[in-house]
Amino acid sequence: MDRESDLLFLILTSHGSQDGVAVQAGKRVETLSPAHLAGMLDRAEVRHRVVVISACYSGVFIAR
């Protein structure tokens, strides 16, 4: 991926809570918080990105 010119399009759909969205990888189940997702995206240094979240409480991912 060319971090300067490519577009990252990330879709997350899961059960949500006021803490974030549920993520399962094999037997590992965790909650992905807005801060953790933002940190991962920032560390990836992808300039152009679109994030779509479909879950209950998905509004917690919008800064106020």
Protein backbone atom coordinates (compact mmCIF):
# COMPACT_ATOMS: atom_id res chain seq x y z
CA MET A 1 0.00 0.00 0.00
CA ASP A 2 1.31 3.45 -0.91
CA ARG A 3 0.58 5.48 2.23
CA GLU A 4 0.60 8.78 0.33
CA SER A 5 -1.72 7.97 -2.58
CA ASP A 6 -3.78 4.85 -1.78
CA LEU A 7 -7.06 4.84 0.11
CA LEU A 8 -7.69 2.60 3.12
CA PHE A 9 -11.38 1.67 3.34
CA LEU A 10 -12.11 -0.11 6.64
CA ILE A 11 -15.52 -1.57 7.46
CA LEU A 12 -16.27 -2.80 10.98
CA THR A 13 -19.56 -4.46 11.80
CA SER A 14 -20.08 -6.09 15.16
CA HIS A 15 -21.83 -5.86 18.49
CA GLY A 16 -21.14 -2.50 20.04
CA SER A 17 -21.08 -1.05 23.51
CA GLN A 18 -20.26 2.29 25.09
CA ASP A 19 -16.63 1.09 25.16
CA GLY A 20 -16.31 0.28 21.43
CA VAL A 21 -16.95 -2.73 19.17
CA ALA A 22 -16.43 -6.42 19.84
CA VAL A 23 -13.62 -7.98 17.81
CA GLN A 24 -12.92 -11.70 17.60
CA ALA A 25 -9.79 -13.32 16.14
CA GLY A 26 -9.89 -17.06 16.66
CA LYS A 27 -10.54 -17.64 20.35
CA ARG A 28 -9.45 -14.13 21.29
CA VAL A 29 -12.33 -11.69 21.93
CA GLU A 30 -11.71 -8.06 22.84
CA THR A 31 -13.35 -4.66 22.64
CA LEU A 32 -11.82 -2.23 20.17
CA SER A 33 -12.09 1.24 21.69
CA PRO A 34 -12.16 4.47 19.68
CA ALA A 35 -8.77 5.49 21.12
CA HIS A 36 -7.19 2.14 20.23
CA LEU A 37 -8.53 2.26 16.65
CA ALA A 38 -7.33 5.86 16.21
CA GLY A 39 -3.89 4.91 17.51
CA MET A 40 -3.60 1.95 15.13
CA LEU A 41 -4.61 4.09 12.16
CA ASP A 42 -2.18 6.85 13.16
CA ARG A 43 0.71 4.39 13.53
CA ALA A 44 -0.07 2.95 10.08
CA GLU A 45 0.50 6.48 8.69
CA VAL A 46 -2.05 6.00 5.92
CA ARG A 47 -2.90 9.48 4.72
CA HIS A 48 -6.29 8.80 3.09
CA ARG A 49 -8.69 6.62 5.05
CA VAL A 50 -12.41 5.97 5.37
CA VAL A 51 -13.81 4.08 8.36
CA VAL A 52 -17.36 2.72 8.36
CA ILE A 53 -18.67 1.32 11.64
CA SER A 54 -21.99 -0.50 11.92
CA ALA A 55 -22.75 -1.36 15.53
CA CYS A 56 -24.86 -0.32 18.47
CA TYR A 57 -23.24 2.73 20.11
CA SER A 58 -21.13 3.40 16.96
CA GLY A 59 -21.48 7.09 17.79
CA VAL A 60 -18.78 6.70 20.46
CA PHE A 61 -16.28 6.74 17.55
CA ILE A 62 -17.20 10.34 16.69
CA ALA A 63 -15.26 12.99 18.61
CA ARG A 64 -17.39 15.64 20.26
